[in-house]
Amino acid sequence: MPPKEKASHGSNWTGIILSTPKYMALKYGFLKCKIVSDTRLKSTKRRNEIQYHLHADCSAASQNGDEIWDAAINVGTDDADDLLRYRLAFNYSHAILSDLRNAPAGLTDLTGTSALPAIDFMRSDILGGTGSWRDSDVMDGSEFPEPLASLKRLLNKAQRERLDVYIFGRTYTDGTLGIHDVHMNQGSQSQHFLNNGRDDHNDHNDIWQDGGVLVDLGQTLWAAYFTAFTQQLVPTDRLGNPVREGHEIVDSDDGTLAIASH
């Protein structure tokens, strides 16, 4: 969910499930798939900016045969005051990777899970070894700004070599097969995106629902892509809303709420 006040841009996993009564969380998980189309850059006009997503058709096996999902991956905006902060690592390593590799194709539903492999930048070590946050270029509609150019090359490689791709995010709510909100999904300041703890009438903040893209490059090599908007603030409370003294996410924030969340 973007931080400004504007419209929002399987199988079960054994994890720690929230045991106390909670609002119904937005449907979240990861899609294990193969890229089966060329990537497409799409723009969407919001109130204060144009947002850009890299789309791809993703094939995932199911009981009814292969399903084609649309993936919409955030790559930036044309607003210098609302950049996308990103990490793109081509030598990513983490303990969850072997489990991901053994996961079945399709959507693994992680809704309500409060442990890895659900992603939370503040409450886990998922960002370990990914380097420093970098700010995206201001998007201009071309395919040259970063991180778009690098992510496009990575997904094109995945398509060519039929690599397994794991896309973490929220599913479409219009009845079609798709996954979006592939970015940090906590810390948005706008009243529209604040989590009131009672309902899911809109796309809102939450914990353990951050997005990302992982690509299995073969053998022990993986690539990882994680993002957050510069107007999203951390740390966040138990609903994913920013605390009063919040700040833009920086390198030292990685996993700082991991102990407090258990």
C-alpha atoms as a PDB file:
ATOM      1  CA  MET A   1       0.000   0.000   0.000  1.00  0.00           C
ATOM      2  CA  PRO A   2       1.428   3.385  -0.914  1.00  0.00           C
ATOM      3  CA  PRO A   3       1.818   5.880   1.904  1.00  0.00           C
ATOM      4  CA  LYS A   4      -0.203   8.731   0.464  1.00  0.00           C
ATOM      5  CA  GLU A   5      -3.962   9.057   0.619  1.00  0.00           C
ATOM      6  CA  LYS A   6      -4.969   7.567  -2.685  1.00  0.00           C
ATOM      7  CA  ALA A   7      -6.401   4.375  -4.092  1.00  0.00           C
ATOM      8  CA  SER A   8      -4.393   1.233  -3.563  1.00  0.00           C
ATOM      9  CA  HIS A   9      -1.996   0.762  -6.090  1.00  0.00           C
ATOM     10  CA  GLY A  10      -2.850 -23.457  -2.319  1.00  0.00           C
ATOM     11  CA  SER A  11      -1.201 -24.983   0.235  1.00  0.00           C
ATOM     12  CA  ASN A  12      -0.900 -24.452   3.963  1.00  0.00           C
ATOM     13  CA  TRP A  13       2.424 -23.755   5.683  1.00  0.00           C
ATOM     14  CA  THR A  14       3.216 -24.792   9.214  1.00  0.00           C
ATOM     15  CA  GLY A  15       3.959 -21.568  11.084  1.00  0.00           C
ATOM     16  CA  ILE A  16       3.005 -19.641  14.192  1.00  0.00           C
ATOM     17  CA  ILE A  17      -0.634 -18.613  13.844  1.00  0.00           C
ATOM     18  CA  LEU A  18      -1.990 -15.706  15.840  1.00  0.00           C
ATOM     19  CA  SER A  19      -3.899 -17.276  18.720  1.00  0.00           C
ATOM     20  CA  THR A  20      -5.753 -14.219  19.976  1.00  0.00           C
ATOM     21  CA  PRO A  21      -8.931 -12.932  18.298  1.00  0.00           C
ATOM     22  CA  LYS A  22      -8.039 -10.600  15.442  1.00  0.00           C
ATOM     23  CA  TYR A  23      -9.707  -8.782  12.552  1.00  0.00           C
ATOM     24  CA  MET A  24      -9.776 -10.764   9.332  1.00  0.00           C
ATOM     25  CA  ALA A  25      -6.457 -10.084   7.614  1.00  0.00           C
ATOM     26  CA  LEU A  26      -6.180  -9.406   3.907  1.00  0.00           C
ATOM     27  CA  LYS A  27      -5.296 -12.575   1.982  1.00  0.00           C
ATOM     28  CA  TYR A  28      -1.520 -12.856   1.791  1.00  0.00           C
ATOM     29  CA  GLY A  29       1.029 -15.461   0.792  1.00  0.00           C
ATOM     30  CA  PHE A  30       3.578 -16.366  -1.835  1.00  0.00           C
ATOM     31  CA  LEU A  31       3.083 -17.579  -5.389  1.00  0.00           C
ATOM     32  CA  LYS A  32       5.572 -20.177  -6.604  1.00  0.00           C
ATOM     33  CA  CYS A  33       5.490 -19.925 -10.369  1.00  0.00           C
ATOM     34  CA  LYS A  34       7.307 -19.652 -13.668  1.00  0.00           C
ATOM     35  CA  ILE A  35       7.285 -16.507 -15.778  1.00  0.00           C
ATOM     36  CA  VAL A  36       5.603 -17.292 -19.117  1.00  0.00           C
ATOM     37  CA  SER A  37       5.351 -13.871 -20.760  1.00  0.00           C
ATOM     38  CA  ASP A  38       7.458 -10.864 -21.507  1.00  0.00           C
ATOM     39  CA  THR A  39       7.373  -8.324 -18.690  1.00  0.00           C
ATOM     40  CA  ARG A  40       5.196  -5.232 -19.170  1.00  0.00           C
ATOM     41  CA  LEU A  41       5.569  -1.835 -17.528  1.00  0.00           C
ATOM     42  CA  LYS A  42       2.214  -0.324 -16.547  1.00  0.00           C
ATOM     43  CA  SER A  43       1.444   3.054 -15.023  1.00  0.00           C
ATOM     44  CA  THR A  44      -1.468   4.076 -12.814  1.00  0.00           C
ATOM     45  CA  LYS A  45      -2.432   7.684 -12.106  1.00  0.00           C
ATOM     46  CA  ARG A  46      -2.964   8.389  -8.409  1.00  0.00           C
ATOM     47  CA  ARG A  47      -3.984  11.613  -6.739  1.00  0.00           C
ATOM     48  CA  ASN A  48      -0.440  12.952  -6.311  1.00  0.00           C
ATOM     49  CA  GLU A  49       1.703  10.807  -8.561  1.00  0.00           C
ATOM     50  CA  ILE A  50       1.964   8.122 -11.207  1.00  0.00           C
ATOM     51  CA  GLN A  51       2.869   4.698  -9.862  1.00  0.00           C
ATOM     52  CA  TYR A  52       4.624   2.064 -11.961  1.00  0.00           C
ATOM     53  CA  HIS A  53       4.421  -1.730 -11.760  1.00  0.00           C
ATOM     54  CA  LEU A  54       6.236  -4.416 -13.705  1.00  0.00           C
ATOM     55  CA  HIS A  55       3.660  -7.019 -14.740  1.00  0.00           C
ATOM     56  CA  ALA A  56       4.233 -10.595 -15.855  1.00  0.00           C
ATOM     57  CA  ASP A  57       2.110 -13.658 -16.557  1.00  0.00           C
ATOM     58  CA  CYS A  58       3.025 -16.445 -14.137  1.00  0.00           C
ATOM     59  CA  SER A  59       2.166 -20.113 -14.601  1.00  0.00           C
ATOM     60  CA  ALA A  60       1.517 -22.279 -11.546  1.00  0.00           C
ATOM     61  CA  ALA A  61       0.351 -25.895 -11.503  1.00  0.00           C
ATOM     62  CA  SER A  62      -2.930 -26.659  -9.745  1.00  0.00           C
ATOM     63  CA  GLN A  63      -5.346 -29.567  -9.387  1.00  0.00           C
ATOM     64  CA  ASN A  64      -7.174 -28.235 -12.430  1.00  0.00           C
ATOM     65  CA  GLY A  65      -4.073 -27.829 -14.559  1.00  0.00           C
ATOM     66  CA  ASP A  66      -1.803 -24.846 -14.993  1.00  0.00           C
ATOM     67  CA  GLU A  67      -3.200 -21.502 -13.834  1.00  0.00           C
ATOM     68  CA  ILE A  68      -2.028 -18.154 -15.167  1.00  0.00           C
ATOM     69  CA  TRP A  69      -1.616 -15.411 -12.575  1.00  0.00           C
ATOM     70  CA  ASP A  70      -0.924 -11.734 -13.123  1.00  0.00           C
ATOM     71  CA  ALA A  71       1.924 -10.391 -10.993  1.00  0.00           C
ATOM     72  CA  ALA A  72       2.144  -6.628 -10.394  1.00  0.00           C
ATOM     73  CA  ILE A  73       5.502  -5.723  -8.842  1.00  0.00           C
ATOM     74  CA  ASN A  74       6.160  -2.185  -7.618  1.00  0.00           C
ATOM     75  CA  VAL A  75       9.121  -0.455  -9.283  1.00  0.00           C
ATOM     76  CA  GLY A  76       8.631   3.239  -8.451  1.00  0.00           C
ATOM     77  CA  THR A  77       6.785   6.515  -8.952  1.00  0.00           C
ATOM     78  CA  ASP A  78       7.276   9.831 -10.767  1.00  0.00           C
ATOM     79  CA  ASP A  79       7.216  11.693  -7.426  1.00  0.00           C
ATOM     80  CA  ALA A  80      10.621  12.613  -5.987  1.00  0.00           C
ATOM     81  CA  ASP A  81       8.957  12.976  -2.569  1.00  0.00           C
ATOM     82  CA  ASP A  82       7.633   9.394  -2.636  1.00  0.00           C
ATOM     83  CA  LEU A  83      10.410   7.211  -3.975  1.00  0.00           C
ATOM     84  CA  LEU A  84      10.627   3.455  -3.694  1.00  0.00           C
ATOM     85  CA  ARG A  85      13.429   2.330  -1.401  1.00  0.00           C
ATOM     86  CA  TYR A  86      14.769  -1.038  -2.573  1.00  0.00           C
ATOM     87  CA  ARG A  87      17.237  -3.849  -2.069  1.00  0.00           C
ATOM     88  CA  LEU A  88      18.214  -6.149  -4.916  1.00  0.00           C
ATOM     89  CA  ALA A  89      20.659  -8.920  -4.021  1.00  0.00           C
ATOM     90  CA  PHE A  90      21.961 -11.561  -6.434  1.00  0.00           C
ATOM     91  CA  ASN A  91      23.714 -13.727  -3.842  1.00  0.00           C
ATOM     92  CA  TYR A  92      20.856 -13.993  -1.349  1.00  0.00           C
ATOM     93  CA  SER A  93      21.042 -16.625   1.374  1.00  0.00           C
ATOM     94  CA  HIS A  94      18.550 -17.468   4.119  1.00  0.00           C
ATOM     95  CA  ALA A  95      17.392 -20.529   6.061  1.00  0.00           C
ATOM     96  CA  ILE A  96      13.909 -20.448   4.494  1.00  0.00           C
ATOM     97  CA  LEU A  97      15.175 -21.013   0.947  1.00  0.00           C
ATOM     98  CA  SER A  98      15.342 -24.800   1.163  1.00  0.00           C
ATOM     99  CA  ASP A  99      11.757 -24.890   2.407  1.00  0.00           C
ATOM    100  CA  LEU A 100      10.646 -22.585  -0.399  1.00  0.00           C
ATOM    101  CA  ARG A 101      12.344 -24.812  -2.948  1.00  0.00           C
ATOM    102  CA  ASN A 102      10.399 -27.792  -1.578  1.00  0.00           C
ATOM    103  CA  ALA A 103       7.057 -25.943  -1.540  1.00  0.00           C
ATOM    104  CA  PRO A 104       4.433 -26.960  -4.117  1.00  0.00           C
ATOM    105  CA  ALA A 105       3.716 -24.738  -7.099  1.00  0.00           C
ATOM    106  CA  GLY A 106       0.893 -22.246  -6.740  1.00  0.00           C
ATOM    107  CA  LEU A 107      -0.211 -20.012  -3.896  1.00  0.00           C
ATOM    108  CA  THR A 108       0.857 -20.820  -0.359  1.00  0.00           C
ATOM    109  CA  ASP A 109      -1.599 -18.989   1.889  1.00  0.00           C
ATOM    110  CA  LEU A 110       0.162 -17.335   4.831  1.00  0.00           C
ATOM    111  CA  THR A 111      -2.726 -15.167   6.011  1.00  0.00           C
ATOM    112  CA  GLY A 112      -2.603 -14.797   9.787  1.00  0.00           C
ATOM    113  CA  THR A 113       0.874 -16.323  10.073  1.00  0.00           C
ATOM    114  CA  SER A 114       3.244 -14.482  12.394  1.00  0.00           C
ATOM    115  CA  ALA A 115       6.503 -16.211  11.488  1.00  0.00           C
ATOM    116  CA  LEU A 116       8.645 -16.894   8.449  1.00  0.00           C
ATOM    117  CA  PRO A 117       8.103 -17.669   5.637  1.00  0.00           C
ATOM    118  CA  ALA A 118       5.595 -14.803   5.973  1.00  0.00           C
ATOM    119  CA  ILE A 119       7.701 -11.657   5.580  1.00  0.00           C
ATOM    120  CA  ASP A 120       8.034  -8.812   8.048  1.00  0.00           C
ATOM    121  CA  PHE A 121      11.000  -6.484   7.537  1.00  0.00           C
ATOM    122  CA  MET A 122      10.825  -5.272  11.134  1.00  0.00           C
ATOM    123  CA  ARG A 123      10.102  -8.569  12.906  1.00  0.00           C
ATOM    124  CA  SER A 124      12.381 -11.062  11.158  1.00  0.00           C
ATOM    125  CA  ASP A 125      15.884 -11.373   9.733  1.00  0.00           C
ATOM    126  CA  ILE A 126      14.657 -11.679   6.127  1.00  0.00           C
ATOM    127  CA  LEU A 127      16.707  -8.641   5.010  1.00  0.00           C
ATOM    128  CA  GLY A 128      19.983 -10.035   6.317  1.00  0.00           C
ATOM    129  CA  GLY A 129      22.779  -9.962   3.752  1.00  0.00           C
ATOM    130  CA  THR A 130      20.867  -7.847   1.227  1.00  0.00           C
ATOM    131  CA  GLY A 131      23.035  -4.757   1.573  1.00  0.00           C
ATOM    132  CA  SER A 132      21.834  -1.202   2.072  1.00  0.00           C
ATOM    133  CA  TRP A 133      18.574   0.428   1.044  1.00  0.00           C
ATOM    134  CA  ARG A 134      18.820   2.407  -2.194  1.00  0.00           C
ATOM    135  CA  ASP A 135      16.334   4.985  -3.453  1.00  0.00           C
ATOM    136  CA  SER A 136      14.733   4.373  -6.804  1.00  0.00           C
ATOM    137  CA  ASP A 137      15.177   6.741  -9.702  1.00  0.00           C
ATOM    138  CA  VAL A 138      12.271   9.041 -10.473  1.00  0.00           C
ATOM    139  CA  MET A 139      10.234   7.138 -13.041  1.00  0.00           C
ATOM    140  CA  ASP A 140       9.666   8.777 -16.433  1.00  0.00           C
ATOM    141  CA  GLY A 141       7.790   6.056 -18.309  1.00  0.00           C
ATOM    142  CA  SER A 142      10.909   4.579 -19.888  1.00  0.00           C
ATOM    143  CA  GLU A 143      12.431   1.231 -18.921  1.00  0.00           C
ATOM    144  CA  PHE A 144      15.861   2.608 -17.987  1.00  0.00           C
ATOM    145  CA  PRO A 145      15.400   3.868 -14.390  1.00  0.00           C
ATOM    146  CA  GLU A 146      16.398   1.633 -11.485  1.00  0.00           C
ATOM    147  CA  PRO A 147      15.295  -0.695 -10.027  1.00  0.00           C
ATOM    148  CA  LEU A 148      13.052  -1.346 -13.055  1.00  0.00           C
ATOM    149  CA  ALA A 149      15.909  -2.054 -15.463  1.00  0.00           C
ATOM    150  CA  SER A 150      17.608  -4.589 -13.173  1.00  0.00           C
ATOM    151  CA  LEU A 151      14.379  -6.309 -12.122  1.00  0.00           C
ATOM    152  CA  LYS A 152      13.292  -6.597 -15.759  1.00  0.00           C
ATOM    153  CA  ARG A 153      16.580  -8.311 -16.662  1.00  0.00           C
ATOM    154  CA  LEU A 154      16.174 -10.694 -13.729  1.00  0.00           C
ATOM    155  CA  LEU A 155      12.618 -11.688 -14.662  1.00  0.00           C
ATOM    156  CA  ASN A 156      13.537 -12.017 -18.324  1.00  0.00           C
ATOM    157  CA  LYS A 157      16.284 -14.442 -17.287  1.00  0.00           C
ATOM    158  CA  ALA A 158      13.748 -16.354 -15.189  1.00  0.00           C
ATOM    159  CA  GLN A 159      11.460 -16.611 -18.218  1.00  0.00           C
ATOM    160  CA  ARG A 160      14.209 -17.745 -20.577  1.00  0.00           C
ATOM    161  CA  GLU A 161      15.596 -20.373 -18.225  1.00  0.00           C
ATOM    162  CA  ARG A 162      12.235 -21.411 -16.707  1.00  0.00           C
ATOM    163  CA  LEU A 163      13.435 -20.612 -13.192  1.00  0.00           C
ATOM    164  CA  ASP A 164      11.172 -20.855 -10.164  1.00  0.00           C
ATOM    165  CA  VAL A 165      10.021 -17.436  -8.964  1.00  0.00           C
ATOM    166  CA  TYR A 166       8.452 -16.745  -5.554  1.00  0.00           C
ATOM    167  CA  ILE A 167       6.320 -13.609  -5.319  1.00  0.00           C
ATOM    168  CA  PHE A 168       5.165 -12.494  -1.856  1.00  0.00           C
ATOM    169  CA  GLY A 169       2.176 -10.181  -1.663  1.00  0.00           C
ATOM    170  CA  ARG A 170      -1.606  -9.922  -1.442  1.00  0.00           C
ATOM    171  CA  THR A 171      -4.021 -11.517  -3.853  1.00  0.00           C
ATOM    172  CA  TYR A 172      -6.366  -9.597  -6.118  1.00  0.00           C
ATOM    173  CA  THR A 173      -9.836  -8.998  -4.697  1.00  0.00           C
ATOM    174  CA  ASP A 174     -11.742  -8.792  -7.996  1.00  0.00           C
ATOM    175  CA  GLY A 175     -12.019 -12.562  -8.485  1.00  0.00           C
ATOM    176  CA  THR A 176      -9.135 -12.840 -10.956  1.00  0.00           C
ATOM    177  CA  LEU A 177      -5.851 -14.626 -10.302  1.00  0.00           C
ATOM    178  CA  GLY A 178      -3.268 -12.051  -9.390  1.00  0.00           C
ATOM    179  CA  ILE A 179      -0.814 -10.919  -6.739  1.00  0.00           C
ATOM    180  CA  HIS A 180       0.161  -7.333  -5.904  1.00  0.00           C
ATOM    181  CA  ASP A 181       1.261  -5.137  -2.966  1.00  0.00           C
ATOM    182  CA  VAL A 182       4.739  -6.564  -3.528  1.00  0.00           C
ATOM    183  CA  HIS A 183       6.362  -4.102  -1.110  1.00  0.00           C
ATOM    184  CA  MET A 184       6.372  -3.326   2.610  1.00  0.00           C
ATOM    185  CA  ASN A 185       2.738  -3.363   3.763  1.00  0.00           C
ATOM    186  CA  GLN A 186       3.095  -1.551   7.086  1.00  0.00           C
ATOM    187  CA  GLY A 187       3.892   2.000   8.114  1.00  0.00           C
ATOM    188  CA  SER A 188       1.625   3.925   5.722  1.00  0.00           C
ATOM    189  CA  GLN A 189       0.551   7.227   7.280  1.00  0.00           C
ATOM    190  CA  SER A 190      -2.630   8.082   5.404  1.00  0.00           C
ATOM    191  CA  GLN A 191      -5.917   7.671   7.261  1.00  0.00           C
ATOM    192  CA  HIS A 192      -7.115   5.595   4.315  1.00  0.00           C
ATOM    193  CA  PHE A 193      -4.469   2.953   4.968  1.00  0.00           C
ATOM    194  CA  LEU A 194      -4.457   2.893   8.763  1.00  0.00           C
ATOM    195  CA  ASN A 195      -5.464  -0.448  10.246  1.00  0.00           C
ATOM    196  CA  ASN A 196      -8.418   0.080  12.595  1.00  0.00           C
ATOM    197  CA  GLY A 197      -8.218  -3.491  13.913  1.00  0.00           C
ATOM    198  CA  ARG A 198     -11.840  -4.236  13.059  1.00  0.00           C
ATOM    199  CA  ASP A 199     -12.430  -4.664   9.351  1.00  0.00           C
ATOM    200  CA  ASP A 200     -10.904  -5.016   5.911  1.00  0.00           C
ATOM    201  CA  HIS A 201     -12.964  -2.479   3.998  1.00  0.00           C
ATOM    202  CA  ASN A 202      -9.806  -1.203   2.365  1.00  0.00           C
ATOM    203  CA  ASP A 203      -6.183  -2.044   1.664  1.00  0.00           C
ATOM    204  CA  HIS A 204      -4.478  -1.344   4.988  1.00  0.00           C
ATOM    205  CA  ASN A 205      -1.376  -1.692   7.127  1.00  0.00           C
ATOM    206  CA  ASP A 206      -0.596  -5.033   8.708  1.00  0.00           C
ATOM    207  CA  ILE A 207       2.344  -6.946  10.153  1.00  0.00           C
ATOM    208  CA  TRP A 208       3.767 -10.142   8.654  1.00  0.00           C
ATOM    209  CA  GLN A 209       2.420  -9.183   5.217  1.00  0.00           C
ATOM    210  CA  ASP A 210       5.403  -7.540   3.525  1.00  0.00           C
ATOM    211  CA  GLY A 211       6.065  -8.300  -0.120  1.00  0.00           C
ATOM    212  CA  GLY A 212       9.101  -9.391  -2.081  1.00  0.00           C
ATOM    213  CA  VAL A 213      10.391 -11.413  -5.024  1.00  0.00           C
ATOM    214  CA  LEU A 214      12.806 -14.339  -4.761  1.00  0.00           C
ATOM    215  CA  VAL A 215      14.262 -16.128  -7.781  1.00  0.00           C
ATOM    216  CA  ASP A 216      15.898 -19.563  -7.575  1.00  0.00           C
ATOM    217  CA  LEU A 217      18.892 -19.230  -9.903  1.00  0.00           C
ATOM    218  CA  GLY A 218      19.934 -22.856  -9.430  1.00  0.00           C
ATOM    219  CA  GLN A 219      22.247 -24.760  -7.096  1.00  0.00           C
ATOM    220  CA  THR A 220      22.832 -22.391  -4.178  1.00  0.00           C
ATOM    221  CA  LEU A 221      22.259 -19.088  -6.003  1.00  0.00           C
ATOM    222  CA  TRP A 222      19.195 -16.933  -5.311  1.00  0.00           C
ATOM    223  CA  ALA A 223      18.202 -13.368  -6.072  1.00  0.00           C
ATOM    224  CA  ALA A 224      15.982 -11.252  -3.783  1.00  0.00           C
ATOM    225  CA  TYR A 225      14.061  -7.991  -4.311  1.00  0.00           C
ATOM    226  CA  PHE A 226      12.511  -6.074  -1.395  1.00  0.00           C
ATOM    227  CA  THR A 227      10.965  -2.585  -1.383  1.00  0.00           C
ATOM    228  CA  ALA A 228       9.357   0.079   0.810  1.00  0.00           C
ATOM    229  CA  PHE A 229       8.090   3.588   0.037  1.00  0.00           C
ATOM    230  CA  THR A 230      10.065   6.466   1.507  1.00  0.00           C
ATOM    231  CA  GLN A 231       6.863   7.921   2.984  1.00  0.00           C
ATOM    232  CA  GLN A 232       6.152   4.752   4.973  1.00  0.00           C
ATOM    233  CA  LEU A 233       7.358   5.092   8.563  1.00  0.00           C
ATOM    234  CA  VAL A 234       8.779   2.633  11.089  1.00  0.00           C
ATOM    235  CA  PRO A 235       8.712   1.280  13.712  1.00  0.00           C
ATOM    236  CA  THR A 236       5.130   0.062  13.634  1.00  0.00           C
ATOM    237  CA  ASP A 237       2.662  -1.146  16.239  1.00  0.00           C
ATOM    238  CA  ARG A 238       0.960  -4.557  16.428  1.00  0.00           C
ATOM    239  CA  LEU A 239      -1.474  -3.513  13.679  1.00  0.00           C
ATOM    240  CA  GLY A 240       1.266  -2.312  11.366  1.00  0.00           C
ATOM    241  CA  ASN A 241       0.519   1.382  11.851  1.00  0.00           C
ATOM    242  CA  PRO A 242       3.477   3.751  12.329  1.00  0.00           C
ATOM    243  CA  VAL A 243       4.206   4.925  15.859  1.00  0.00           C
ATOM    244  CA  ARG A 244       4.161   8.658  16.597  1.00  0.00           C
ATOM    245  CA  GLU A 245       7.951   9.065  16.456  1.00  0.00           C
ATOM    246  CA  GLY A 246       8.311   7.049  13.252  1.00  0.00           C
ATOM    247  CA  HIS A 247      10.934   7.610  10.551  1.00  0.00           C
ATOM    248  CA  GLU A 248      11.741   6.425   7.029  1.00  0.00           C
ATOM    249  CA  ILE A 249      13.090   2.886   6.989  1.00  0.00           C
ATOM    250  CA  VAL A 250      16.900   2.734   7.166  1.00  0.00           C
ATOM    251  CA  ASP A 251      19.459  -0.062   7.341  1.00  0.00           C
ATOM    252  CA  SER A 252      19.548  -0.122  11.139  1.00  0.00           C
ATOM    253  CA  ASP A 253      15.812  -0.940  11.293  1.00  0.00           C
ATOM    254  CA  ASP A 254      16.257  -4.478   9.953  1.00  0.00           C
ATOM    255  CA  GLY A 255      14.594  -6.930  12.332  1.00  0.00           C
ATOM    256  CA  THR A 256      14.593  -4.516  15.269  1.00  0.00           C
ATOM    257  CA  LEU A 257      11.111  -5.646  16.423  1.00  0.00           C
ATOM    258  CA  ALA A 258      11.891  -9.369  16.187  1.00  0.00           C
ATOM    259  CA  ILE A 259      12.310  -9.852  19.936  1.00  0.00           C
ATOM    260  CA  ALA A 260       9.378  -7.625  20.845  1.00  0.00           C
ATOM    261  CA  SER A 261       7.038  -9.545  18.548  1.00  0.00           C
ATOM    262  CA  HIS A 262       7.543 -12.912  20.285  1.00  0.00           C
END
